[in-house]
Amino acid sequence: MAVEIEMRARFTKEIHDQLVTRLNTDGEDLGPDDKHIYFYVLPDQLLKVTDNTAAGTAKITLKGSKIGQGAAFAETEFAIAPADVPAAVKVFNALGFETVMHEAFNFRHNFRFREVEIAVKWSEAWGYHAEFEVLLEDGASDAARTEAEATITDVAAALGVPLMTEQELADFTAAFEAAEKERKEREQQAAPIR
């Protein structure tokens, strides 16, 4: 198990293009990383089944908290075969998680700038956005977590990207979840009775 220190930013296409140009010039290109993701938003955790289409790999990930509940995410993950993604989704849906599932395709490209990994992304729900991440060993001290957050903040500032606050993240994800719940209820009501 590891701990991710993760911060996010949402921005316009213009800022996206400027960021990619800067990272191509001054950062390390880690390559494309497009993913088809099934998110299960649990009360205090996030469960994901990820088909990494760019790498030809897949995994199941359990994050120990949700977006908007702090920058530190305890994370447990294990690899599965890409061919097993539909079966994993079927199992989680059969366990009753289908009502909290959101499906998304993320176009993403990974970079490293200084000690921070940056995934520059686009998805239908988030638009243009980026994830800034430092990975720590499980059991990392509070000081190490604080230092990682400061490193991310400094890197984002150096790149001219304003990070979202935890409250902004919580508000954004809550609004998204409410809209998705409403959409699913409308679809269920409109479905023909069999």
Foldseek 3Di string as FASTA:
>chain_A
DWKKQKFKFADDVVLLVLLVVCCVVQWAWPWKFKWKKKWQDDPFKIWIWIQRVVVQWIKIKIWRGDQLPHRITDMDMDTDHSVCSVVVVVVCVVVVRPLRIDIKIKGWTWIDHDQWIKIFIAIPLRGTMIMTIHMGGPPDDPVVSVVRVVVSVVVCVVSVTDTDHSNRRVVSVVVVSVVVNVVVVVVVVPDDDD
